[in-house]
């Protein structure tokens, strides 16, 4: 009888640990998809507005800097999307 109680206790502890890990992974996935991507999306929007300006005063050098900045932000966005996707895949594997 005592052995059965210990087995159930250990099983309950393992289930609690797995549930906690799942919740942590869900939180990370949510943060990636919402908190991190929000400023990235704003930067991309601002860059698009800057590129649409028909200012002759914008030098070739400034245009190149805008392009480099946009490439960097696009890269950050893709990395964030990849991390979010990986987190979701891990969650699905846990289920």
N, C-alpha and C. Protein backbone atom coordinates (compact mmCIF):
# COMPACT_ATOMS: atom_id res chain seq x y z
N UNK A 1 0.82 -1.19 0.00
CA UNK A 1 0.00 0.00 0.00
C UNK A 1 0.87 1.26 0.00
N UNK A 2 1.93 1.23 0.82
CA UNK A 2 2.84 2.38 0.91
C UNK A 2 3.54 2.63 -0.42
N UNK A 3 3.90 1.57 -1.12
CA UNK A 3 4.55 1.68 -2.42
C UNK A 3 3.63 2.36 -3.43
N UNK A 4 2.36 2.03 -3.41
CA UNK A 4 1.39 2.64 -4.32
C UNK A 4 1.25 4.12 -4.05
N UNK A 5 1.26 4.54 -2.79
CA UNK A 5 1.16 5.96 -2.43
C UNK A 5 2.39 6.70 -2.93
N UNK A 6 3.57 6.11 -2.77
CA UNK A 6 4.80 6.75 -3.25
C UNK A 6 4.77 6.89 -4.77
N UNK A 7 4.32 5.85 -5.46
CA UNK A 7 4.24 5.90 -6.92
C UNK A 7 3.31 7.02 -7.39
N UNK A 8 2.17 7.16 -6.73
CA UNK A 8 1.21 8.21 -7.09
C UNK A 8 1.80 9.58 -6.79
N UNK A 9 2.47 9.70 -5.65
CA UNK A 9 3.09 10.98 -5.28
C UNK A 9 4.15 11.38 -6.30
N UNK A 10 5.00 10.44 -6.69
CA UNK A 10 6.03 10.73 -7.69
C UNK A 10 5.41 11.10 -9.02
N UNK A 11 4.37 10.39 -9.41
CA UNK A 11 3.68 10.68 -10.66
C UNK A 11 3.06 12.07 -10.63
N UNK A 12 2.44 12.43 -9.52
CA UNK A 12 1.85 13.76 -9.38
C UNK A 12 2.91 14.85 -9.43
N UNK A 13 4.06 14.60 -8.84
CA UNK A 13 5.16 15.57 -8.89
C UNK A 13 5.66 15.75 -10.31
N UNK A 14 5.81 14.65 -11.04
CA UNK A 14 6.25 14.72 -12.43
C UNK A 14 5.24 15.48 -13.29
N UNK A 15 3.96 15.21 -13.07
CA UNK A 15 2.91 15.90 -13.82
C UNK A 15 2.95 17.39 -13.52
N UNK A 16 3.14 17.75 -12.26
CA UNK A 16 3.21 19.17 -11.87
C UNK A 16 4.41 19.86 -12.51
N UNK A 17 5.54 19.19 -12.54
CA UNK A 17 6.75 19.75 -13.16
C UNK A 17 6.53 19.95 -14.66
N UNK A 18 5.97 18.94 -15.31
CA UNK A 18 5.71 19.05 -16.76
C UNK A 18 4.71 20.16 -17.06
N UNK A 19 3.70 20.30 -16.23
CA UNK A 19 2.70 21.37 -16.42
C UNK A 19 3.37 22.73 -16.27
N UNK A 20 4.24 22.86 -15.28
CA UNK A 20 4.94 24.14 -15.07
C UNK A 20 5.84 24.47 -16.26
N UNK A 21 6.54 23.47 -16.78
CA UNK A 21 7.40 23.67 -17.94
C UNK A 21 6.57 24.08 -19.16
N UNK A 22 5.43 23.45 -19.34
CA UNK A 22 4.53 23.77 -20.45
C UNK A 22 4.05 25.22 -20.34
N UNK A 23 3.69 25.63 -19.14
CA UNK A 23 3.22 27.01 -18.92
C UNK A 23 4.34 28.01 -19.21
N UNK A 24 5.56 27.68 -18.80
CA UNK A 24 6.68 28.56 -19.09
C UNK A 24 6.92 28.69 -20.58
N UNK A 25 6.85 27.58 -21.30
CA UNK A 25 7.04 27.59 -22.74
C UNK A 25 5.94 28.40 -23.43
N UNK A 26 4.71 28.26 -22.97
CA UNK A 26 3.60 29.04 -23.52
C UNK A 26 3.83 30.54 -23.30
N UNK A 27 4.32 30.89 -22.11
CA UNK A 27 4.59 32.30 -21.81
C UNK A 27 5.69 32.86 -22.71
N UNK A 28 6.73 32.08 -22.92
CA UNK A 28 7.82 32.52 -23.80
C UNK A 28 7.31 32.71 -25.23
N UNK A 29 6.52 31.77 -25.70
CA UNK A 29 5.97 31.87 -27.06
C UNK A 29 5.09 33.12 -27.18
N UNK A 30 4.28 33.39 -26.17
CA UNK A 30 3.42 34.57 -26.20
C UNK A 30 4.25 35.85 -26.20
N UNK A 31 5.27 35.89 -25.35
CA UNK A 31 6.12 37.08 -25.28
C UNK A 31 6.81 37.33 -26.62
N UNK A 32 7.30 36.26 -27.25
CA UNK A 32 7.96 36.40 -28.54
C UNK A 32 7.01 36.95 -29.59
N UNK A 33 5.80 36.38 -29.61
CA UNK A 33 4.88 36.75 -30.69
C UNK A 33 4.20 38.09 -30.44
N UNK A 34 4.18 38.57 -29.22
CA UNK A 34 3.48 39.83 -28.94
C UNK A 34 4.41 40.95 -28.46
N UNK A 35 5.17 40.69 -27.42
CA UNK A 35 5.99 41.75 -26.84
C UNK A 35 7.20 42.10 -27.69
N UNK A 36 7.87 41.11 -28.23
CA UNK A 36 9.08 41.37 -29.02
C UNK A 36 8.72 41.85 -30.42
N UNK A 37 7.71 41.24 -31.01
CA UNK A 37 7.36 41.61 -32.39
C UNK A 37 6.70 42.97 -32.50
N UNK A 38 6.07 43.46 -31.43
CA UNK A 38 5.39 44.76 -31.49
C UNK A 38 6.35 45.90 -31.85
N UNK A 39 7.47 46.06 -31.16
CA UNK A 39 8.38 47.14 -31.56
C UNK A 39 9.00 46.91 -32.94
N UNK A 40 9.22 45.67 -33.30
CA UNK A 40 9.75 45.38 -34.63
C UNK A 40 8.75 45.85 -35.69
N UNK A 41 7.49 45.55 -35.49
CA UNK A 41 6.45 45.98 -36.44
C UNK A 41 6.38 47.50 -36.52
N UNK A 42 6.52 48.18 -35.39
CA UNK A 42 6.50 49.65 -35.40
C UNK A 42 7.69 50.21 -36.17
N UNK A 43 8.86 49.64 -35.96
CA UNK A 43 10.05 50.11 -36.67
C UNK A 43 9.87 49.91 -38.17
N UNK A 44 9.36 48.75 -38.55
CA UNK A 44 9.13 48.50 -39.98
C UNK A 44 8.15 49.51 -40.56
N UNK A 45 7.10 49.84 -39.82
CA UNK A 45 6.14 50.83 -40.28
C UNK A 45 6.76 52.21 -40.42
N UNK A 46 7.57 52.60 -39.46
CA UNK A 46 8.26 53.90 -39.52
C UNK A 46 9.23 53.95 -40.69
N UNK A 47 9.94 52.88 -40.91
CA UNK A 47 10.86 52.83 -42.04
C UNK A 47 10.12 52.98 -43.36
N UNK A 48 8.97 52.34 -43.46
CA UNK A 48 8.17 52.45 -44.68
C UNK A 48 7.73 53.90 -44.90
N UNK A 49 7.33 54.58 -43.84
CA UNK A 49 6.95 55.98 -43.95
C UNK A 49 8.13 56.85 -44.40
N UNK A 50 9.29 56.59 -43.84
CA UNK A 50 10.49 57.34 -44.22
C UNK A 50 10.84 57.12 -45.69
N UNK A 51 10.70 55.89 -46.15
CA UNK A 51 11.03 55.57 -47.54
C UNK A 51 10.04 56.22 -48.52
N UNK A 52 8.83 56.48 -48.08
CA UNK A 52 7.81 57.04 -48.96
C UNK A 52 7.94 58.55 -49.12
N UNK A 53 8.76 59.19 -48.31
CA UNK A 53 8.94 60.63 -48.42
C UNK A 53 9.64 60.97 -49.72
N UNK A 54 9.10 61.94 -50.43
CA UNK A 54 9.72 62.39 -51.68
C UNK A 54 10.56 63.64 -51.42
N UNK A 55 11.49 63.49 -50.53
CA UNK A 55 12.36 64.60 -50.19
C UNK A 55 13.64 64.52 -51.02
N UNK A 56 13.90 65.53 -51.83
CA UNK A 56 15.17 65.50 -52.54
C UNK A 56 16.36 65.66 -51.60
N UNK A 57 16.07 66.11 -50.37
CA UNK A 57 17.15 66.33 -49.41
C UNK A 57 17.69 65.01 -48.84
N UNK A 58 16.96 63.92 -49.05
CA UNK A 58 17.44 62.63 -48.56
C UNK A 58 18.59 62.18 -49.46
N UNK A 59 19.75 62.09 -48.86
CA UNK A 59 20.93 61.75 -49.64
C UNK A 59 20.96 60.25 -49.96
N UNK A 60 21.81 59.92 -50.90
CA UNK A 60 22.01 58.51 -51.25
C UNK A 60 22.52 57.74 -50.04
N UNK A 61 23.36 58.39 -49.26
CA UNK A 61 23.91 57.74 -48.06
C UNK A 61 22.80 57.45 -47.05
N UNK A 62 21.89 58.41 -46.88
CA UNK A 62 20.77 58.19 -45.96
C UNK A 62 19.87 57.07 -46.45
N UNK A 63 19.62 57.03 -47.74
CA UNK A 63 18.79 55.97 -48.32
C UNK A 63 19.44 54.61 -48.08
N UNK A 64 20.75 54.53 -48.22
CA UNK A 64 21.46 53.28 -47.97
C UNK A 64 21.36 52.88 -46.50
N UNK A 65 21.44 53.87 -45.61
CA UNK A 65 21.31 53.59 -44.18
C UNK A 65 19.91 53.07 -43.85
N UNK A 66 18.89 53.67 -44.46
CA UNK A 66 17.52 53.19 -44.27
C UNK A 66 17.40 51.74 -44.73
N UNK A 67 17.99 51.43 -45.87
CA UNK A 67 17.93 50.06 -46.39
C UNK A 67 18.62 49.07 -45.46
N UNK A 68 19.78 49.45 -44.94
CA UNK A 68 20.50 48.57 -44.02
C UNK A 68 19.71 48.37 -42.73
N UNK A 69 19.10 49.46 -42.25
CA UNK A 69 18.29 49.36 -41.04
C UNK A 69 17.09 48.45 -41.28
N UNK A 70 16.46 48.61 -42.43
CA UNK A 70 15.31 47.77 -42.76
C UNK A 70 15.71 46.29 -42.86
N UNK A 71 16.84 46.01 -43.47
CA UNK A 71 17.31 44.63 -43.57
C UNK A 71 17.55 44.03 -42.18
N UNK A 72 18.12 44.83 -41.29
CA UNK A 72 18.38 44.35 -39.93
C UNK A 72 17.09 44.07 -39.18
N UNK A 73 16.13 44.96 -39.32
CA UNK A 73 14.86 44.77 -38.63
C UNK A 73 14.12 43.57 -39.23
N UNK A 74 14.17 43.41 -40.54
CA UNK A 74 13.54 42.24 -41.17
C UNK A 74 14.18 40.95 -40.64
N UNK A 75 15.49 40.98 -40.48
CA UNK A 75 16.19 39.81 -39.94
C UNK A 75 15.74 39.52 -38.50
N UNK A 76 15.63 40.58 -37.68
CA UNK A 76 15.15 40.41 -36.31
C UNK A 76 13.74 39.83 -36.31
N UNK A 77 12.92 40.33 -37.20
CA UNK A 77 11.55 39.85 -37.30
C UNK A 77 11.52 38.36 -37.64
N UNK A 78 12.33 37.95 -38.59
CA UNK A 78 12.37 36.54 -38.99
C UNK A 78 12.88 35.66 -37.86
N UNK A 79 13.90 36.12 -37.16
CA UNK A 79 14.43 35.36 -36.03
C UNK A 79 13.35 35.19 -34.96
N UNK A 80 12.62 36.26 -34.68
CA UNK A 80 11.55 36.21 -33.69
C UNK A 80 10.46 35.24 -34.12
N UNK A 81 10.11 35.28 -35.39
CA UNK A 81 9.09 34.35 -35.90
C UNK A 81 9.58 32.90 -35.78
N UNK A 82 10.85 32.67 -36.08
CA UNK A 82 11.41 31.31 -35.98
C UNK A 82 11.38 30.81 -34.54
N UNK A 83 11.73 31.67 -33.60
CA UNK A 83 11.72 31.29 -32.18
C UNK A 83 10.30 30.97 -31.74
N UNK A 84 9.35 31.80 -32.16
CA UNK A 84 7.95 31.57 -31.80
C UNK A 84 7.47 30.25 -32.38
N UNK A 85 7.80 29.99 -33.64
CA UNK A 85 7.39 28.74 -34.27
C UNK A 85 8.01 27.54 -33.54
N UNK A 86 9.27 27.63 -33.21
CA UNK A 86 9.96 26.55 -32.50
C UNK A 86 9.30 26.30 -31.14
N UNK A 87 8.94 27.38 -30.44
CA UNK A 87 8.27 27.25 -29.15
C UNK A 87 6.94 26.54 -29.30
N UNK A 88 6.19 26.93 -30.32
CA UNK A 88 4.89 26.29 -30.56
C UNK A 88 5.05 24.81 -30.91
N UNK A 89 6.06 24.49 -31.70
CA UNK A 89 6.33 23.09 -32.03
C UNK A 89 6.66 22.29 -30.78
N UNK A 90 7.45 22.88 -29.89
CA UNK A 90 7.80 22.20 -28.64
C UNK A 90 6.55 21.98 -27.79
N UNK A 91 5.66 22.97 -27.77
CA UNK A 91 4.42 22.81 -27.02
C UNK A 91 3.58 21.67 -27.58
N UNK A 92 3.49 21.60 -28.90
CA UNK A 92 2.70 20.53 -29.52
C UNK A 92 3.30 19.16 -29.23
N UNK A 93 4.62 19.08 -29.19
CA UNK A 93 5.27 17.81 -28.89
C UNK A 93 4.98 17.39 -27.44
N UNK A 94 4.85 18.39 -26.55
CA UNK A 94 4.58 18.10 -25.15
C UNK A 94 3.18 17.53 -24.96
N UNK A 95 2.26 17.91 -25.84
CA UNK A 95 0.86 17.46 -25.69
C UNK A 95 0.68 16.09 -26.16
